[in-house]
Structures are given as structure tokens and as C-alpha cells.
Amino acid sequence: MAFPGTAPNGQPYSDKSKITAGLLQIFLGYLGIGRFYTGHIGMAVAQLLTMGGCGIWSLIDGILFLTSNDRTDKQGRVLRG
């Protein structure tokens, strides 16, 4: 059972927002900005070098950030809604 302020996995929620991450990823994902925001530096650099997979990877990633409830930050904490 999760306590208030904790994610279903028992960890505290991240201080990062999934809405902010999703919108950054949709609009600036070709620069990896959404991934830099969540602390996933390696993936952000890969998106930067491939221009977000020619825009397709960044668009799909942004949509998944907005619709998924299990996206995490660098420390493995679930992003806030």
C-alpha cells in the first residue's frame, strides 16, 4: 500500500513533472531537452545527435511521458502528474 506522497512502488515522487517533460520532449525533443530535464543524460545526447530520431523518437517519447504513469527520473522516482 502506498502512502500519500509516495509512488505505487513505495518511493517518493520525483520533483520533476511528467507534463513538463512531455511538452519539452514534444517541442524540443530533437535537442533531447525532455531527457536532460529528467536527468537521463545518455539518452538526451543520443537524441541530440540523431535530432530526436528525425523527430519520430522525440514525438513518441513525449506522448509516452504524457500518457504513462511509470516514467521515472534519473534516481528512479516516478514523475509527478
Protein backbone atom coordinates (compact mmCIF):
# COMPACT_ATOMS: atom_id res chain seq x y z
CA MET A 1 0.00 0.00 0.00
CA ALA A 2 1.41 3.39 -1.00
CA PHE A 3 1.37 6.23 1.48
CA PRO A 4 0.42 9.79 0.47
CA GLY A 5 3.32 11.41 -1.35
CA THR A 6 4.77 8.09 -2.45
CA ALA A 7 4.53 6.33 -5.77
CA PRO A 8 2.98 2.86 -6.07
CA ASN A 9 6.49 1.36 -5.85
CA GLY A 10 6.89 2.92 -2.38
CA GLN A 11 9.45 5.55 -3.38
CA PRO A 12 8.75 9.27 -3.06
CA TYR A 13 7.62 11.04 -6.19
CA SER A 14 10.17 12.95 -8.23
CA ASP A 15 10.34 16.72 -8.07
CA LYS A 16 10.07 16.66 -11.89
CA SER A 17 6.72 16.84 -13.69
CA LYS A 18 5.69 14.36 -16.39
CA ILE A 19 3.68 17.13 -18.12
CA THR A 20 6.72 19.40 -18.32
CA ALA A 21 8.90 16.52 -19.51
CA GLY A 22 6.35 15.50 -22.14
CA LEU A 23 5.89 19.00 -23.53
CA LEU A 24 9.63 19.65 -23.59
CA GLN A 25 10.10 16.35 -25.38
CA ILE A 26 7.40 17.07 -27.98
CA PHE A 27 8.54 20.60 -28.78
CA LEU A 28 12.31 20.41 -28.13
CA GLY A 29 12.91 16.66 -28.22
CA TYR A 30 15.14 16.92 -31.26
CA LEU A 31 17.60 18.53 -28.83
CA GLY A 32 16.93 15.93 -26.10
CA ILE A 33 15.64 18.63 -23.73
CA GLY A 34 12.96 16.43 -22.13
CA ARG A 35 15.55 13.79 -21.29
CA PHE A 36 18.02 16.36 -19.97
CA TYR A 37 15.17 17.64 -17.75
CA THR A 38 14.62 14.19 -16.22
CA GLY A 39 18.35 13.58 -15.81
CA HIS A 40 18.77 10.87 -18.46
CA ILE A 41 21.90 12.42 -19.96
CA GLY A 42 22.98 9.48 -22.15
CA MET A 43 19.61 9.22 -23.85
CA ALA A 44 19.45 13.01 -24.20
CA VAL A 45 22.79 13.08 -26.01
CA ALA A 46 21.62 10.26 -28.30
CA GLN A 47 18.51 12.25 -29.15
CA LEU A 48 20.60 15.35 -29.72
CA LEU A 49 22.94 13.53 -32.10
CA THR A 50 20.08 11.92 -34.08
CA MET A 51 17.85 15.01 -33.95
CA GLY A 52 15.34 13.05 -31.89
CA GLY A 53 15.37 10.14 -34.31
CA CYS A 54 14.41 12.57 -37.09
CA GLY A 55 11.60 13.80 -34.86
CA ILE A 56 9.81 10.45 -34.61
CA TRP A 57 11.58 9.21 -31.47
CA SER A 58 11.10 12.51 -29.66
CA LEU A 59 7.40 12.73 -30.57
CA ILE A 60 6.65 9.19 -29.40
CA ASP A 61 8.74 9.72 -26.28
CA GLY A 62 6.85 12.93 -25.48
CA ILE A 63 3.48 11.23 -25.88
CA LEU A 64 4.62 8.40 -23.62
CA PHE A 65 5.73 10.89 -20.98
CA LEU A 66 2.26 12.46 -21.02
CA THR A 67 0.23 9.23 -21.01
CA SER A 68 2.33 6.84 -18.93
CA ASN A 69 2.28 6.74 -15.14
CA ASP A 70 5.55 4.86 -14.70
CA ARG A 71 8.13 7.23 -16.25
CA THR A 72 11.00 7.94 -13.89
CA ASP A 73 13.75 10.46 -13.30
CA LYS A 74 17.47 9.67 -13.02
CA GLN A 75 17.06 8.40 -9.43
CA GLY A 76 14.25 6.01 -10.43
CA ARG A 77 11.50 8.08 -8.80
CA VAL A 78 8.16 8.26 -10.63
CA LEU A 79 7.46 11.65 -12.23
CA ARG A 80 4.67 13.77 -10.72
CA GLY A 81 1.37 14.03 -12.59
